[in-house]
Amino acid sequence: MTMSLFPLILAVLEQPALLSAGVELPQKLFGLFTFYFASFSDFLAMASNGISYSFFVWLSFGLTYLLLVGLMGWSVYQQRQLKQQLAAKLAREQRIKQYQEQQT
């Protein structure tokens, strides 16, 4: 049954007019990119055929970038902590070595 649906799905994907219900999309943006929205304001609102997904789309972008910035900040913090720990360990080892040399 799956094999019989594949040509139908492929035919629908090759003809975007079947999915957009007669709306004349897509257009070329700056002659380079395919633009699937009627206008730039529709792009920002993520509105296509009256359905707006902007809240979910921009929220997911915002959370993604927030998490990436948080991850970079945490990595910098961990690197500083590691450097401080290594410096403290080396200083301690040096003090121990000096003490042992004084004892002999």
PDB file of N, CA and C in Angstrom:
ATOM      1  N   MET A   1       0.826  -1.192   0.000  1.00  0.00           N
ATOM      2  CA  MET A   1       0.000   0.000   0.000  1.00  0.00           C
ATOM      3  C   MET A   1       0.871   1.256   0.000  1.00  0.00           C
ATOM      4  N   THR A   2       1.981   1.223   0.676  1.00  0.00           N
ATOM      5  CA  THR A   2       2.874   2.369   0.720  1.00  0.00           C
ATOM      6  C   THR A   2       3.462   2.659  -0.653  1.00  0.00           C
ATOM      7  N   MET A   3       3.770   1.637  -1.393  1.00  0.00           N
ATOM      8  CA  MET A   3       4.355   1.826  -2.716  1.00  0.00           C
ATOM      9  C   MET A   3       3.363   2.496  -3.664  1.00  0.00           C
ATOM     10  N   SER A   4       2.064   2.264  -3.496  1.00  0.00           N
ATOM     11  CA  SER A   4       1.085   2.882  -4.378  1.00  0.00           C
ATOM     12  C   SER A   4       0.854   4.354  -4.030  1.00  0.00           C
ATOM     13  N   LEU A   5       1.124   4.750  -2.792  1.00  0.00           N
ATOM     14  CA  LEU A   5       0.954   6.139  -2.394  1.00  0.00           C
ATOM     15  C   LEU A   5       2.125   7.011  -2.825  1.00  0.00           C
ATOM     16  N   PHE A   6       3.292   6.421  -3.024  1.00  0.00           N
ATOM     17  CA  PHE A   6       4.486   7.187  -3.360  1.00  0.00           C
ATOM     18  C   PHE A   6       4.324   8.006  -4.642  1.00  0.00           C
ATOM     19  N   PRO A   7       3.838   7.422  -5.763  1.00  0.00           N
ATOM     20  CA  PRO A   7       3.664   8.254  -6.969  1.00  0.00           C
ATOM     21  C   PRO A   7       2.659   9.385  -6.775  1.00  0.00           C
ATOM     22  N   LEU A   8       1.620   9.155  -5.977  1.00  0.00           N
ATOM     23  CA  LEU A   8       0.636  10.193  -5.724  1.00  0.00           C
ATOM     24  C   LEU A   8       1.247  11.338  -4.915  1.00  0.00           C
ATOM     25  N   ILE A   9       1.999  11.000  -3.882  1.00  0.00           N
ATOM     26  CA  ILE A   9       2.663  12.017  -3.066  1.00  0.00           C
ATOM     27  C   ILE A   9       3.660  12.799  -3.906  1.00  0.00           C
ATOM     28  N   LEU A  10       4.407  12.104  -4.740  1.00  0.00           N
ATOM     29  CA  LEU A  10       5.382  12.752  -5.614  1.00  0.00           C
ATOM     30  C   LEU A  10       4.692  13.705  -6.587  1.00  0.00           C
ATOM     31  N   ALA A  11       3.554  13.306  -7.132  1.00  0.00           N
ATOM     32  CA  ALA A  11       2.815  14.170  -8.062  1.00  0.00           C
ATOM     33  C   ALA A  11       2.311  15.428  -7.359  1.00  0.00           C
ATOM     34  N   VAL A  12       1.854  15.292  -6.117  1.00  0.00           N
ATOM     35  CA  VAL A  12       1.363  16.449  -5.371  1.00  0.00           C
ATOM     36  C   VAL A  12       2.509  17.397  -5.055  1.00  0.00           C
ATOM     37  N   LEU A  13       3.659  16.859  -4.676  1.00  0.00           N
ATOM     38  CA  LEU A  13       4.800  17.707  -4.340  1.00  0.00           C
ATOM     39  C   LEU A  13       5.362  18.431  -5.562  1.00  0.00           C
ATOM     40  N   GLU A  14       5.230  17.831  -6.723  1.00  0.00           N
ATOM     41  CA  GLU A  14       5.732  18.468  -7.937  1.00  0.00           C
ATOM     42  C   GLU A  14       4.813  19.584  -8.424  1.00  0.00           C
ATOM     43  N   GLN A  15       3.573  19.595  -7.984  1.00  0.00           N
ATOM     44  CA  GLN A  15       2.621  20.619  -8.407  1.00  0.00           C
ATOM     45  C   GLN A  15       2.131  21.390  -7.191  1.00  0.00           C
ATOM     46  N   PRO A  16       2.793  22.484  -6.838  1.00  0.00           N
ATOM     47  CA  PRO A  16       2.402  23.232  -5.639  1.00  0.00           C
ATOM     48  C   PRO A  16       1.014  23.847  -5.730  1.00  0.00           C
ATOM     49  N   ALA A  17       0.449  23.991  -6.936  1.00  0.00           N
ATOM     50  CA  ALA A  17      -0.891  24.566  -7.076  1.00  0.00           C
ATOM     51  C   ALA A  17      -1.933  23.672  -6.407  1.00  0.00           C
ATOM     52  N   LEU A  18      -1.671  22.363  -6.347  1.00  0.00           N
ATOM     53  CA  LEU A  18      -2.609  21.471  -5.681  1.00  0.00           C
ATOM     54  C   LEU A  18      -2.641  21.723  -4.178  1.00  0.00           C
ATOM     55  N   LEU A  19      -1.539  22.147  -3.612  1.00  0.00           N
ATOM     56  CA  LEU A  19      -1.470  22.388  -2.180  1.00  0.00           C
ATOM     57  C   LEU A  19      -1.922  23.794  -1.805  1.00  0.00           C
ATOM     58  N   SER A  20      -1.691  24.774  -2.670  1.00  0.00           N
ATOM     59  CA  SER A  20      -1.979  26.161  -2.309  1.00  0.00           C
ATOM     60  C   SER A  20      -3.376  26.611  -2.729  1.00  0.00           C
ATOM     61  N   ALA A  21      -4.175  25.738  -3.263  1.00  0.00           N
ATOM     62  CA  ALA A  21      -5.568  26.025  -3.619  1.00  0.00           C
ATOM     63  C   ALA A  21      -5.703  27.230  -4.534  1.00  0.00           C
ATOM     64  N   GLY A  22      -4.874  27.314  -5.552  1.00  0.00           N
ATOM     65  CA  GLY A  22      -4.996  28.339  -6.563  1.00  0.00           C
ATOM     66  C   GLY A  22      -4.243  29.619  -6.295  1.00  0.00           C
ATOM     67  N   VAL A  23      -3.635  29.802  -5.138  1.00  0.00           N
ATOM     68  CA  VAL A  23      -2.856  30.995  -4.854  1.00  0.00           C
ATOM     69  C   VAL A  23      -1.563  30.912  -5.649  1.00  0.00           C
ATOM     70  N   GLU A  24      -1.209  32.006  -6.321  1.00  0.00           N
ATOM     71  CA  GLU A  24      -0.031  31.990  -7.180  1.00  0.00           C
ATOM     72  C   GLU A  24       1.239  32.162  -6.362  1.00  0.00           C
ATOM     73  N   LEU A  25       1.743  31.095  -5.848  1.00  0.00           N
ATOM     74  CA  LEU A  25       2.993  31.024  -5.122  1.00  0.00           C
ATOM     75  C   LEU A  25       3.794  29.914  -5.782  1.00  0.00           C
ATOM     76  N   PRO A  26       5.014  29.858  -5.709  1.00  0.00           N
ATOM     77  CA  PRO A  26       6.038  30.697  -5.128  1.00  0.00           C
ATOM     78  C   PRO A  26       6.542  31.760  -6.097  1.00  0.00           C
ATOM     79  N   GLN A  27       7.287  32.703  -5.570  1.00  0.00           N
ATOM     80  CA  GLN A  27       7.917  33.763  -6.344  1.00  0.00           C
ATOM     81  C   GLN A  27       9.402  33.719  -6.068  1.00  0.00           C
ATOM     82  N   LYS A  28      10.161  34.388  -6.916  1.00  0.00           N
ATOM     83  CA  LYS A  28      11.606  34.476  -6.676  1.00  0.00           C
ATOM     84  C   LYS A  28      11.899  35.730  -5.863  1.00  0.00           C
ATOM     85  N   LEU A  29      12.609  35.564  -4.760  1.00  0.00           N
ATOM     86  CA  LEU A  29      12.992  36.673  -3.909  1.00  0.00           C
ATOM     87  C   LEU A  29      14.400  37.080  -4.280  1.00  0.00           C
ATOM     88  N   PHE A  30      14.571  38.317  -4.708  1.00  0.00           N
ATOM     89  CA  PHE A  30      15.855  38.855  -5.169  1.00  0.00           C
ATOM     90  C   PHE A  30      16.415  38.036  -6.328  1.00  0.00           C
ATOM     91  N   GLY A  31      15.573  37.305  -6.991  1.00  0.00           N
ATOM     92  CA  GLY A  31      16.011  36.498  -8.120  1.00  0.00           C
ATOM     93  C   GLY A  31      16.812  35.268  -7.729  1.00  0.00           C
ATOM     94  N   LEU A  32      16.940  35.022  -6.436  1.00  0.00           N
ATOM     95  CA  LEU A  32      17.754  33.900  -5.971  1.00  0.00           C
ATOM     96  C   LEU A  32      16.956  32.849  -5.220  1.00  0.00           C
ATOM     97  N   PHE A  33      16.132  33.301  -4.277  1.00  0.00           N
ATOM     98  CA  PHE A  33      15.464  32.381  -3.375  1.00  0.00           C
ATOM     99  C   PHE A  33      13.989  32.281  -3.721  1.00  0.00           C
ATOM    100  N   THR A  34      13.437  31.103  -3.556  1.00  0.00           N
ATOM    101  CA  THR A  34      12.018  30.910  -3.767  1.00  0.00           C
ATOM    102  C   THR A  34      11.272  31.417  -2.547  1.00  0.00           C
ATOM    103  N   PHE A  35      10.340  32.324  -2.759  1.00  0.00           N
ATOM    104  CA  PHE A  35       9.592  32.961  -1.677  1.00  0.00           C
ATOM    105  C   PHE A  35       8.175  32.407  -1.703  1.00  0.00           C
ATOM    106  N   TYR A  36       7.758  31.708  -0.655  1.00  0.00           N
ATOM    107  CA  TYR A  36       6.480  31.022  -0.638  1.00  0.00           C
ATOM    108  C   TYR A  36       5.364  31.817   0.026  1.00  0.00           C
ATOM    109  N   PHE A  37       5.585  33.097   0.276  1.00  0.00           N
ATOM    110  CA  PHE A  37       4.564  33.934   0.897  1.00  0.00           C
ATOM    111  C   PHE A  37       4.151  35.032  -0.073  1.00  0.00           C
ATOM    112  N   ALA A  38       2.936  35.538   0.091  1.00  0.00           N
ATOM    113  CA  ALA A  38       2.418  36.552  -0.823  1.00  0.00           C
ATOM    114  C   ALA A  38       3.124  37.894  -0.633  1.00  0.00           C
ATOM    115  N   SER A  39       3.574  38.185   0.591  1.00  0.00           N
ATOM    116  CA  SER A  39       4.263  39.440   0.859  1.00  0.00           C
ATOM    117  C   SER A  39       5.233  39.233   2.015  1.00  0.00           C
ATOM    118  N   PHE A  40       6.067  40.242   2.250  1.00  0.00           N
ATOM    119  CA  PHE A  40       7.031  40.146   3.343  1.00  0.00           C
ATOM    120  C   PHE A  40       6.320  40.176   4.695  1.00  0.00           C
ATOM    121  N   SER A  41       5.217  40.927   4.805  1.00  0.00           N
ATOM    122  CA  SER A  41       4.460  40.944   6.061  1.00  0.00           C
ATOM    123  C   SER A  41       3.837  39.577   6.333  1.00  0.00           C
ATOM    124  N   ASP A  42       3.411  38.867   5.277  1.00  0.00           N
ATOM    125  CA  ASP A  42       2.930  37.496   5.457  1.00  0.00           C
ATOM    126  C   ASP A  42       4.057  36.588   5.927  1.00  0.00           C
ATOM    127  N   PHE A  43       5.264  36.856   5.442  1.00  0.00           N
ATOM    128  CA  PHE A  43       6.418  36.076   5.897  1.00  0.00           C
ATOM    129  C   PHE A  43       6.648  36.287   7.387  1.00  0.00           C
ATOM    130  N   LEU A  44       6.637  37.558   7.835  1.00  0.00           N
ATOM    131  CA  LEU A  44       6.849  37.826   9.250  1.00  0.00           C
ATOM    132  C   LEU A  44       5.728  37.257  10.104  1.00  0.00           C
ATOM    133  N   ALA A  45       4.508  37.285   9.583  1.00  0.00           N
ATOM    134  CA  ALA A  45       3.371  36.735  10.308  1.00  0.00           C
ATOM    135  C   ALA A  45       3.243  35.234  10.082  1.00  0.00           C
ATOM    136  N   MET A  46       4.046  34.697   9.179  1.00  0.00           N
ATOM    137  CA  MET A  46       3.995  33.284   8.791  1.00  0.00           C
ATOM    138  C   MET A  46       2.572  32.882   8.409  1.00  0.00           C
ATOM    139  N   ALA A  47       1.925  33.783   7.661  1.00  0.00           N
ATOM    140  CA  ALA A  47       0.544  33.541   7.271  1.00  0.00           C
ATOM    141  C   ALA A  47       0.500  33.053   5.830  1.00  0.00           C
ATOM    142  N   SER A  48      -0.105  31.934   5.641  1.00  0.00           N
ATOM    143  CA  SER A  48      -0.301  31.393   4.303  1.00  0.00           C
ATOM    144  C   SER A  48      -1.717  30.829   4.257  1.00  0.00           C
ATOM    145  N   ASN A  49      -2.527  31.327   3.357  1.00  0.00           N
ATOM    146  CA  ASN A  49      -3.921  30.907   3.226  1.00  0.00           C
ATOM    147  C   ASN A  49      -4.720  31.169   4.504  1.00  0.00           C
ATOM    148  N   GLY A  50      -4.392  32.260   5.194  1.00  0.00           N
ATOM    149  CA  GLY A  50      -5.161  32.661   6.356  1.00  0.00           C
ATOM    150  C   GLY A  50      -4.770  31.991   7.663  1.00  0.00           C
ATOM    151  N   ILE A  51      -3.832  31.076   7.632  1.00  0.00           N
ATOM    152  CA  ILE A  51      -3.405  30.385   8.848  1.00  0.00           C
ATOM    153  C   ILE A  51      -2.074  30.975   9.285  1.00  0.00           C
ATOM    154  N   SER A  52      -2.004  31.425  10.536  1.00  0.00           N
ATOM    155  CA  SER A  52      -0.782  32.052  11.037  1.00  0.00           C
ATOM    156  C   SER A  52      -0.072  31.119  12.000  1.00  0.00           C
ATOM    157  N   TYR A  53       1.205  30.864  11.701  1.00  0.00           N
ATOM    158  CA  TYR A  53       2.040  30.031  12.553  1.00  0.00           C
ATOM    159  C   TYR A  53       3.157  30.855  13.183  1.00  0.00           C
ATOM    160  N   SER A  54       3.039  32.172  13.123  1.00  0.00           N
ATOM    161  CA  SER A  54       4.152  33.032  13.524  1.00  0.00           C
ATOM    162  C   SER A  54       4.544  32.840  14.981  1.00  0.00           C
ATOM    163  N   PHE A  55       3.581  32.698  15.877  1.00  0.00           N
ATOM    164  CA  PHE A  55       3.925  32.540  17.288  1.00  0.00           C
ATOM    165  C   PHE A  55       4.820  31.328  17.501  1.00  0.00           C
ATOM    166  N   PHE A  56       4.458  30.209  16.913  1.00  0.00           N
ATOM    167  CA  PHE A  56       5.216  28.979  17.110  1.00  0.00           C
ATOM    168  C   PHE A  56       6.567  29.026  16.404  1.00  0.00           C
ATOM    169  N   VAL A  57       6.586  29.587  15.199  1.00  0.00           N
ATOM    170  CA  VAL A  57       7.828  29.649  14.432  1.00  0.00           C
ATOM    171  C   VAL A  57       8.836  30.570  15.105  1.00  0.00           C
ATOM    172  N   TRP A  58       8.416  31.799  15.422  1.00  0.00           N
ATOM    173  CA  TRP A  58       9.360  32.748  16.006  1.00  0.00           C
ATOM    174  C   TRP A  58       9.718  32.368  17.437  1.00  0.00           C
ATOM    175  N   LEU A  59       8.798  31.729  18.167  1.00  0.00           N
ATOM    176  CA  LEU A  59       9.118  31.230  19.498  1.00  0.00           C
ATOM    177  C   LEU A  59      10.183  30.139  19.420  1.00  0.00           C
ATOM    178  N   SER A  60      10.069  29.247  18.441  1.00  0.00           N
ATOM    179  CA  SER A  60      11.075  28.186  18.311  1.00  0.00           C
ATOM    180  C   SER A  60      12.430  28.764  17.907  1.00  0.00           C
ATOM    181  N   PHE A  61      12.434  29.762  17.021  1.00  0.00           N
ATOM    182  CA  PHE A  61      13.700  30.415  16.674  1.00  0.00           C
ATOM    183  C   PHE A  61      14.300  31.105  17.893  1.00  0.00           C
ATOM    184  N   GLY A  62      13.471  31.827  18.629  1.00  0.00           N
ATOM    185  CA  GLY A  62      13.955  32.541  19.806  1.00  0.00           C
ATOM    186  C   GLY A  62      14.522  31.599  20.859  1.00  0.00           C
ATOM    187  N   LEU A  63      13.800  30.524  21.142  1.00  0.00           N
ATOM    188  CA  LEU A  63      14.295  29.559  22.124  1.00  0.00           C
ATOM    189  C   LEU A  63      15.586  28.892  21.662  1.00  0.00           C
ATOM    190  N   THR A  64      15.658  28.592  20.382  1.00  0.00           N
ATOM    191  CA  THR A  64      16.869  27.974  19.857  1.00  0.00           C
ATOM    192  C   THR A  64      18.069  28.883  20.036  1.00  0.00           C
ATOM    193  N   TYR A  65      17.922  30.148  19.648  1.00  0.00           N
ATOM    194  CA  TYR A  65      19.046  31.083  19.789  1.00  0.00           C
ATOM    195  C   TYR A  65      19.363  31.358  21.249  1.00  0.00           C
ATOM    196  N   LEU A  66      18.341  31.424  22.102  1.00  0.00           N
ATOM    197  CA  LEU A  66      18.575  31.616  23.525  1.00  0.00           C
ATOM    198  C   LEU A  66      19.372  30.444  24.102  1.00  0.00           C
ATOM    199  N   LEU A  67      19.003  29.232  23.727  1.00  0.00           N
ATOM    200  CA  LEU A  67      19.733  28.062  24.208  1.00  0.00           C
ATOM    201  C   LEU A  67      21.157  28.019  23.663  1.00  0.00           C
ATOM    202  N   LEU A  68      21.345  28.410  22.410  1.00  0.00           N
ATOM    203  CA  LEU A  68      22.698  28.433  21.852  1.00  0.00           C
ATOM    204  C   LEU A  68      23.579  29.456  22.564  1.00  0.00           C
ATOM    205  N   VAL A  69      23.027  30.634  22.840  1.00  0.00           N
ATOM    206  CA  VAL A  69      23.792  31.654  23.569  1.00  0.00           C
ATOM    207  C   VAL A  69      24.083  31.167  24.981  1.00  0.00           C
ATOM    208  N   GLY A  70      23.107  30.538  25.618  1.00  0.00           N
ATOM    209  CA  GLY A  70      23.315  29.981  26.948  1.00  0.00           C
ATOM    210  C   GLY A  70      24.387  28.901  26.950  1.00  0.00           C
ATOM    211  N   LEU A  71      24.376  28.057  25.940  1.00  0.00           N
ATOM    212  CA  LEU A  71      25.386  27.004  25.829  1.00  0.00           C
ATOM    213  C   LEU A  71      26.780  27.595  25.637  1.00  0.00           C
ATOM    214  N   MET A  72      26.883  28.636  24.820  1.00  0.00           N
ATOM    215  CA  MET A  72      28.182  29.280  24.626  1.00  0.00           C
ATOM    216  C   MET A  72      28.651  29.938  25.927  1.00  0.00           C
ATOM    217  N   GLY A  73      27.746  30.602  26.639  1.00  0.00           N
ATOM    218  CA  GLY A  73      28.101  31.219  27.909  1.00  0.00           C
ATOM    219  C   GLY A  73      28.536  30.175  28.930  1.00  0.00           C
ATOM    220  N   TRP A  74      27.820  29.058  29.008  1.00  0.00           N
ATOM    221  CA  TRP A  74      28.178  27.994  29.938  1.00  0.00           C
ATOM    222  C   TRP A  74      29.539  27.394  29.587  1.00  0.00           C
ATOM    223  N   SER A  75      29.823  27.259  28.295  1.00  0.00           N
ATOM    224  CA  SER A  75      31.113  26.719  27.861  1.00  0.00           C
ATOM    225  C   SER A  75      32.256  27.645  28.265  1.00  0.00           C
ATOM    226  N   VAL A  76      32.067  28.947  28.099  1.00  0.00           N
ATOM    227  CA  VAL A  76      33.095  29.918  28.506  1.00  0.00           C
ATOM    228  C   VAL A  76      33.294  29.860  30.013  1.00  0.00           C
ATOM    229  N   TYR A  77      32.198  29.771  30.766  1.00  0.00           N
ATOM    230  CA  TYR A  77      32.277  29.683  32.217  1.00  0.00           C
ATOM    231  C   TYR A  77      33.042  28.423  32.640  1.00  0.00           C
ATOM    232  N   GLN A  78      32.717  27.291  32.044  1.00  0.00           N
ATOM    233  CA  GLN A  78      33.393  26.040  32.378  1.00  0.00           C
ATOM    234  C   GLN A  78      34.878  26.090  32.027  1.00  0.00           C
ATOM    235  N   GLN A  79      35.209  26.719  30.910  1.00  0.00           N
ATOM    236  CA  GLN A  79      36.613  26.839  30.513  1.00  0.00           C
ATOM    237  C   GLN A  79      37.382  27.679  31.534  1.00  0.00           C
ATOM    238  N   ARG A  80      36.792  28.775  31.985  1.00  0.00           N
ATOM    239  CA  ARG A  80      37.451  29.615  33.007  1.00  0.00           C
ATOM    240  C   ARG A  80      37.632  28.843  34.312  1.00  0.00           C
ATOM    241  N   GLN A  81      36.605  28.100  34.702  1.00  0.00           N
ATOM    242  CA  GLN A  81      36.700  27.307  35.928  1.00  0.00           C
ATOM    243  C   GLN A  81      37.814  26.265  35.820  1.00  0.00           C
ATOM    244  N   LEU A  82      37.916  25.608  34.677  1.00  0.00           N
ATOM    245  CA  LEU A  82      38.953  24.599  34.468  1.00  0.00           C
ATOM    246  C   LEU A  82      40.343  25.226  34.538  1.00  0.00           C
ATOM    247  N   LYS A  83      40.508  26.390  33.915  1.00  0.00           N
ATOM    248  CA  LYS A  83      41.804  27.073  33.963  1.00  0.00           C
ATOM    249  C   LYS A  83      42.168  27.461  35.391  1.00  0.00           C
ATOM    250  N   GLN A  84      41.194  27.938  36.154  1.00  0.00           N
ATOM    251  CA  GLN A  84      41.455  28.300  37.546  1.00  0.00           C
ATOM    252  C   GLN A  84      41.821  27.068  38.371  1.00  0.00           C
ATOM    253  N   GLN A  85      41.124  25.963  38.147  1.00  0.00           N
ATOM    254  CA  GLN A  85      41.428  24.741  38.880  1.00  0.00           C
ATOM    255  C   GLN A  85      42.821  24.220  38.536  1.00  0.00           C
ATOM    256  N   LEU A  86      43.176  24.273  37.254  1.00  0.00           N
ATOM    257  CA  LEU A  86      44.509  23.827  36.844  1.00  0.00           C
ATOM    258  C   LEU A  86      45.594  24.718  37.439  1.00  0.00           C
ATOM    259  N   ALA A  87      45.362  26.024  37.438  1.00  0.00           N
ATOM    260  CA  ALA A  87      46.340  26.948  38.020  1.00  0.00           C
ATOM    261  C   ALA A  87      46.493  26.688  39.514  1.00  0.00           C
ATOM    262  N   ALA A  88      45.384  26.453  40.212  1.00  0.00           N
ATOM    263  CA  ALA A  88      45.447  26.164  41.651  1.00  0.00           C
ATOM    264  C   ALA A  88      46.174  24.843  41.912  1.00  0.00           C
ATOM    265  N   LYS A  89      45.920  23.850  41.082  1.00  0.00           N
ATOM    266  CA  LYS A  89      46.579  22.551  41.246  1.00  0.00           C
ATOM    267  C   LYS A  89      48.079  22.665  41.008  1.00  0.00           C
ATOM    268  N   LEU A  90      48.464  23.386  39.960  1.00  0.00           N
ATOM    269  CA  LEU A  90      49.891  23.573  39.675  1.00  0.00           C
ATOM    270  C   LEU A  90      50.577  24.351  40.791  1.00  0.00           C
ATOM    271  N   ALA A  91      49.918  25.385  41.327  1.00  0.00           N
ATOM    272  CA  ALA A  91      50.498  26.161  42.425  1.00  0.00           C
ATOM    273  C   ALA A  91      50.653  25.289  43.668  1.00  0.00           C
ATOM    274  N   ARG A  92      49.665  24.458  43.936  1.00  0.00           N
ATOM    275  CA  ARG A  92      49.742  23.558  45.100  1.00  0.00           C
ATOM    276  C   ARG A  92      50.889  22.565  44.931  1.00  0.00           C
ATOM    277  N   GLU A  93      50.997  21.980  43.735  1.00  0.00           N
ATOM    278  CA  GLU A  93      52.086  21.030  43.494  1.00  0.00           C
ATOM    279  C   GLU A  93      53.447  21.699  43.636  1.00  0.00           C
ATOM    280  N   GLN A  94      53.526  22.953  43.203  1.00  0.00           N
ATOM    281  CA  GLN A  94      54.790  23.687  43.317  1.00  0.00           C
ATOM    282  C   GLN A  94      55.113  23.973  44.789  1.00  0.00           C
ATOM    283  N   ARG A  95      54.100  24.340  45.574  1.00  0.00           N
ATOM    284  CA  ARG A  95      54.322  24.564  47.008  1.00  0.00           C
ATOM    285  C   ARG A  95      54.754  23.277  47.712  1.00  0.00           C
ATOM    286  N   ILE A  96      54.136  22.159  47.347  1.00  0.00           N
ATOM    287  CA  ILE A  96      54.505  20.870  47.943  1.00  0.00           C
ATOM    288  C   ILE A  96      55.942  20.522  47.590  1.00  0.00           C
ATOM    289  N   LYS A  97      56.313  20.763  46.328  1.00  0.00           N
ATOM    290  CA  LYS A  97      57.682  20.468  45.885  1.00  0.00           C
ATOM    291  C   LYS A  97      58.688  21.347  46.645  1.00  0.00           C
ATOM    292  N   GLN A  98      58.378  22.628  46.803  1.00  0.00           N
ATOM    293  CA  GLN A  98      59.270  23.533  47.546  1.00  0.00           C
ATOM    294  C   GLN A  98      59.391  23.099  49.013  1.00  0.00           C
ATOM    295  N   TYR A  99      58.294  22.693  49.613  1.00  0.00           N
ATOM    296  CA  TYR A  99      58.323  22.249  51.014  1.00  0.00           C
ATOM    297  C   TYR A  99      59.184  20.997  51.164  1.00  0.00           C
ATOM    298  N   GLN A 100      59.017  20.062  50.195  1.00  0.00           N
ATOM    299  CA  GLN A 100      59.816  18.832  50.262  1.00  0.00           C
ATOM    300  C   GLN A 100      61.303  19.116  50.073  1.00  0.00           C
ATOM    301  N   GLU A 101      61.641  20.090  49.244  1.00  0.00           N
ATOM    302  CA  GLU A 101      63.038  20.456  49.047  1.00  0.00           C
ATOM    303  C   GLU A 101      63.607  21.118  50.302  1.00  0.00           C
ATOM    304  N   GLN A 102      62.796  21.888  50.995  1.00  0.00           N
ATOM    305  CA  GLN A 102      63.251  22.526  52.232  1.00  0.00           C
ATOM    306  C   GLN A 102      63.495  21.491  53.336  1.00  0.00           C
ATOM    307  N   GLN A 103      62.708  20.428  53.343  1.00  0.00           N
ATOM    308  CA  GLN A 103      62.815  19.406  54.366  1.00  0.00           C
ATOM    309  C   GLN A 103      64.078  18.534  54.195  1.00  0.00           C
ATOM    310  N   THR A 104      64.546  18.445  52.973  1.00  0.00           N
ATOM    311  CA  THR A 104      65.740  17.611  52.744  1.00  0.00           C
ATOM    312  C   THR A 104      67.020  18.369  52.824  1.00  0.00           C
TER     313      THR A 104
END
